[in-house]
Amino acid sequence: MQFDVLIEVRPRQGISDPEGATIERSLPTLGYDGVTSVRVGKAIRCTIEAEDEALAHAELEDLCARFLTNPVIEDAAISMQPQVER
């Protein structure tokens, strides 16, 4: 099976996010007064082939821990869905 994957990586709670802080400070001058708690991360999209969803998820968790994130300061959220036959 093939799965379409979205991995969202963001700084852990309590970890400084200077880019997010800069954006948050700038928003009121642009007229966006109600936006708070801005955090900046990265999104990684890919396709993975595995026998089933559980194996795909396990492989993606390992990929995140070993390569895509710094597990000391970042968290990753994995979303995936089976690819639709075309």
N, C-alpha and C. Protein backbone atom coordinates (compact mmCIF):
# COMPACT_ATOMS: atom_id res chain seq x y z
N MET A 1 0.84 -1.19 0.00
CA MET A 1 0.00 0.00 0.00
C MET A 1 0.88 1.25 0.00
N GLN A 2 0.37 2.30 -0.61
CA GLN A 2 1.06 3.58 -0.58
C GLN A 2 0.21 4.57 0.21
N PHE A 3 0.90 5.42 0.97
CA PHE A 3 0.23 6.41 1.80
C PHE A 3 0.78 7.79 1.49
N ASP A 4 -0.12 8.77 1.39
CA ASP A 4 0.28 10.18 1.32
C ASP A 4 0.50 10.65 2.75
N VAL A 5 1.63 11.31 2.99
CA VAL A 5 2.04 11.64 4.35
C VAL A 5 2.28 13.14 4.49
N LEU A 6 1.88 13.69 5.63
CA LEU A 6 2.22 15.05 6.03
C LEU A 6 2.83 14.96 7.42
N ILE A 7 4.06 15.44 7.55
CA ILE A 7 4.74 15.50 8.84
C ILE A 7 4.91 16.97 9.19
N GLU A 8 4.35 17.38 10.32
CA GLU A 8 4.47 18.76 10.79
C GLU A 8 5.45 18.77 11.95
N VAL A 9 6.53 19.52 11.78
CA VAL A 9 7.57 19.64 12.80
C VAL A 9 7.49 21.04 13.39
N ARG A 10 7.48 21.11 14.72
CA ARG A 10 7.40 22.42 15.38
C ARG A 10 8.21 22.39 16.68
N PRO A 11 8.63 23.56 17.14
CA PRO A 11 9.37 23.61 18.40
C PRO A 11 8.50 23.10 19.56
N ARG A 12 9.12 22.39 20.47
CA ARG A 12 8.39 21.92 21.65
C ARG A 12 7.94 23.10 22.49
N GLN A 13 6.87 22.90 23.24
CA GLN A 13 6.37 23.92 24.14
C GLN A 13 7.49 24.30 25.11
N GLY A 14 7.68 25.58 25.33
CA GLY A 14 8.71 26.05 26.24
C GLY A 14 10.04 26.32 25.57
N ILE A 15 10.19 25.90 24.32
CA ILE A 15 11.42 26.15 23.56
C ILE A 15 11.27 27.48 22.83
N SER A 16 12.29 28.30 22.91
CA SER A 16 12.28 29.61 22.25
C SER A 16 12.01 29.45 20.75
N ASP A 17 11.16 30.33 20.23
CA ASP A 17 10.84 30.35 18.80
C ASP A 17 10.97 31.79 18.31
N PRO A 18 12.19 32.26 18.05
CA PRO A 18 12.39 33.65 17.66
C PRO A 18 11.64 34.06 16.39
N GLU A 19 11.53 33.15 15.43
CA GLU A 19 10.81 33.48 14.20
C GLU A 19 9.33 33.68 14.49
N GLY A 20 8.75 32.80 15.28
CA GLY A 20 7.35 32.95 15.66
C GLY A 20 7.12 34.23 16.46
N ALA A 21 8.05 34.56 17.36
CA ALA A 21 7.92 35.78 18.17
C ALA A 21 7.98 37.02 17.29
N THR A 22 8.85 37.03 16.30
CA THR A 22 8.96 38.17 15.39
C THR A 22 7.66 38.36 14.60
N ILE A 23 7.11 37.27 14.10
CA ILE A 23 5.84 37.34 13.37
C ILE A 23 4.75 37.86 14.29
N GLU A 24 4.66 37.31 15.50
CA GLU A 24 3.61 37.73 16.44
C GLU A 24 3.71 39.21 16.78
N ARG A 25 4.93 39.73 16.96
CA ARG A 25 5.10 41.16 17.26
C ARG A 25 4.70 42.03 16.07
N SER A 26 4.86 41.54 14.85
CA SER A 26 4.55 42.32 13.65
C SER A 26 3.07 42.36 13.31
N LEU A 27 2.32 41.37 13.73
CA LEU A 27 0.92 41.26 13.30
C LEU A 27 0.04 42.45 13.69
N PRO A 28 0.14 43.01 14.91
CA PRO A 28 -0.72 44.16 15.23
C PRO A 28 -0.52 45.36 14.30
N THR A 29 0.71 45.58 13.83
CA THR A 29 0.93 46.71 12.92
C THR A 29 0.28 46.48 11.56
N LEU A 30 -0.04 45.22 11.27
CA LEU A 30 -0.71 44.90 10.02
C LEU A 30 -2.22 44.78 10.20
N GLY A 31 -2.70 45.04 11.42
CA GLY A 31 -4.13 45.01 11.68
C GLY A 31 -4.65 43.68 12.22
N TYR A 32 -3.78 42.77 12.58
CA TYR A 32 -4.18 41.47 13.12
C TYR A 32 -3.93 41.44 14.62
N ASP A 33 -4.85 42.06 15.37
CA ASP A 33 -4.66 42.20 16.81
C ASP A 33 -4.98 40.93 17.59
N GLY A 34 -5.80 40.05 17.08
CA GLY A 34 -6.25 38.90 17.86
C GLY A 34 -5.42 37.64 17.67
N VAL A 35 -4.30 37.70 16.97
CA VAL A 35 -3.50 36.51 16.71
C VAL A 35 -2.39 36.41 17.76
N THR A 36 -2.36 35.28 18.48
CA THR A 36 -1.34 35.07 19.51
C THR A 36 -0.77 33.66 19.42
N SER A 37 0.22 33.39 20.21
CA SER A 37 0.85 32.06 20.31
C SER A 37 1.36 31.57 18.96
N VAL A 38 2.02 32.42 18.22
CA VAL A 38 2.53 32.06 16.90
C VAL A 38 3.76 31.17 17.07
N ARG A 39 3.76 30.03 16.42
CA ARG A 39 4.89 29.10 16.40
C ARG A 39 5.18 28.77 14.94
N VAL A 40 6.43 28.76 14.57
CA VAL A 40 6.82 28.47 13.20
C VAL A 40 7.50 27.10 13.18
N GLY A 41 7.13 26.31 12.21
CA GLY A 41 7.72 24.99 12.05
C GLY A 41 7.95 24.71 10.59
N LYS A 42 7.93 23.43 10.26
CA LYS A 42 8.09 23.04 8.85
C LYS A 42 7.15 21.89 8.55
N ALA A 43 6.75 21.81 7.30
CA ALA A 43 5.88 20.74 6.84
C ALA A 43 6.63 19.92 5.81
N ILE A 44 6.57 18.61 5.96
CA ILE A 44 7.24 17.69 5.05
C ILE A 44 6.17 16.77 4.47
N ARG A 45 6.07 16.74 3.16
CA ARG A 45 5.11 15.85 2.49
C ARG A 45 5.89 14.78 1.74
N CYS A 46 5.38 13.56 1.79
CA CYS A 46 6.03 12.47 1.08
C CYS A 46 5.02 11.35 0.85
N THR A 47 5.46 10.34 0.15
CA THR A 47 4.69 9.12 -0.05
C THR A 47 5.52 7.98 0.50
N ILE A 48 4.86 7.06 1.19
CA ILE A 48 5.56 5.90 1.73
C ILE A 48 4.82 4.64 1.33
N GLU A 49 5.59 3.61 1.05
CA GLU A 49 5.00 2.31 0.72
C GLU A 49 5.27 1.37 1.88
N ALA A 50 4.22 0.70 2.33
CA ALA A 50 4.32 -0.25 3.44
C ALA A 50 3.19 -1.26 3.33
N GLU A 51 3.33 -2.36 4.06
CA GLU A 51 2.30 -3.40 4.01
C GLU A 51 0.98 -2.94 4.60
N ASP A 52 1.06 -2.12 5.66
CA ASP A 52 -0.17 -1.60 6.27
C ASP A 52 0.13 -0.28 6.96
N GLU A 53 -0.92 0.36 7.47
CA GLU A 53 -0.79 1.68 8.08
C GLU A 53 0.09 1.66 9.33
N ALA A 54 -0.02 0.62 10.14
CA ALA A 54 0.78 0.53 11.36
C ALA A 54 2.27 0.48 11.05
N LEU A 55 2.66 -0.30 10.05
CA LEU A 55 4.07 -0.38 9.67
C LEU A 55 4.56 0.95 9.08
N ALA A 56 3.73 1.58 8.29
CA ALA A 56 4.09 2.88 7.72
C ALA A 56 4.30 3.90 8.82
N HIS A 57 3.38 3.91 9.79
CA HIS A 57 3.49 4.88 10.89
C HIS A 57 4.74 4.63 11.71
N ALA A 58 5.06 3.37 11.99
CA ALA A 58 6.26 3.03 12.75
C ALA A 58 7.52 3.50 12.02
N GLU A 59 7.56 3.30 10.71
CA GLU A 59 8.72 3.73 9.93
C GLU A 59 8.85 5.25 9.93
N LEU A 60 7.73 5.94 9.82
CA LEU A 60 7.75 7.40 9.84
C LEU A 60 8.18 7.94 11.20
N GLU A 61 7.74 7.31 12.28
CA GLU A 61 8.17 7.71 13.62
C GLU A 61 9.69 7.58 13.73
N ASP A 62 10.23 6.48 13.23
CA ASP A 62 11.68 6.27 13.27
C ASP A 62 12.40 7.33 12.42
N LEU A 63 11.86 7.61 11.25
CA LEU A 63 12.43 8.63 10.37
C LEU A 63 12.47 9.98 11.06
N CYS A 64 11.39 10.33 11.75
CA CYS A 64 11.34 11.61 12.47
C CYS A 64 12.38 11.65 13.57
N ALA A 65 12.44 10.59 14.35
CA ALA A 65 13.35 10.56 15.50
C ALA A 65 14.82 10.56 15.07
N ARG A 66 15.14 9.90 13.96
CA ARG A 66 16.53 9.76 13.54
C ARG A 66 17.02 10.83 12.59
N PHE A 67 16.10 11.50 11.86
CA PHE A 67 16.57 12.38 10.79
C PHE A 67 15.82 13.70 10.65
N LEU A 68 14.50 13.68 10.71
CA LEU A 68 13.72 14.87 10.37
C LEU A 68 13.57 15.88 11.51
N THR A 69 13.76 15.45 12.74
CA THR A 69 13.60 16.36 13.88
C THR A 69 14.80 16.29 14.80
N ASN A 70 14.92 17.31 15.61
CA ASN A 70 15.83 17.27 16.74
C ASN A 70 14.93 16.96 17.93
N PRO A 71 14.89 15.71 18.40
CA PRO A 71 13.92 15.32 19.41
C PRO A 71 14.09 16.03 20.76
N VAL A 72 15.18 16.72 20.95
CA VAL A 72 15.37 17.47 22.18
C VAL A 72 14.52 18.74 22.18
N ILE A 73 14.36 19.36 21.00
CA ILE A 73 13.66 20.65 20.94
C ILE A 73 12.45 20.68 20.02
N GLU A 74 12.20 19.59 19.26
CA GLU A 74 11.10 19.60 18.30
C GLU A 74 10.17 18.41 18.49
N ASP A 75 8.90 18.62 18.16
CA ASP A 75 7.89 17.57 18.11
C ASP A 75 7.45 17.40 16.67
N ALA A 76 6.98 16.21 16.35
CA ALA A 76 6.46 15.95 15.00
C ALA A 76 5.08 15.32 15.11
N ALA A 77 4.19 15.76 14.24
CA ALA A 77 2.85 15.18 14.13
C ALA A 77 2.74 14.57 12.74
N ILE A 78 2.37 13.30 12.69
CA ILE A 78 2.28 12.57 11.42
C ILE A 78 0.82 12.36 11.05
N SER A 79 0.47 12.75 9.83
CA SER A 79 -0.86 12.48 9.27
C SER A 79 -0.64 11.70 7.98
N MET A 80 -1.46 10.68 7.77
CA MET A 80 -1.34 9.96 6.51
C MET A 80 -2.67 9.36 6.12
N GLN A 81 -2.80 9.14 4.83
CA GLN A 81 -3.99 8.51 4.30
C GLN A 81 -3.59 7.63 3.12
N PRO A 82 -4.31 6.54 2.91
CA PRO A 82 -4.01 5.67 1.77
C PRO A 82 -4.15 6.45 0.47
N GLN A 83 -3.24 6.19 -0.45
CA GLN A 83 -3.34 6.84 -1.75
C GLN A 83 -4.52 6.26 -2.51
N VAL A 84 -5.18 7.11 -3.23
CA VAL A 84 -6.31 6.72 -4.06
C VAL A 84 -5.76 6.23 -5.39
N GLU A 85 -6.23 5.11 -5.84
CA GLU A 85 -5.81 4.58 -7.15
C GLU A 85 -6.22 5.55 -8.23
N ARG A 86 -5.33 5.82 -9.16
CA ARG A 86 -5.63 6.75 -10.25
C ARG A 86 -5.65 6.07 -11.57
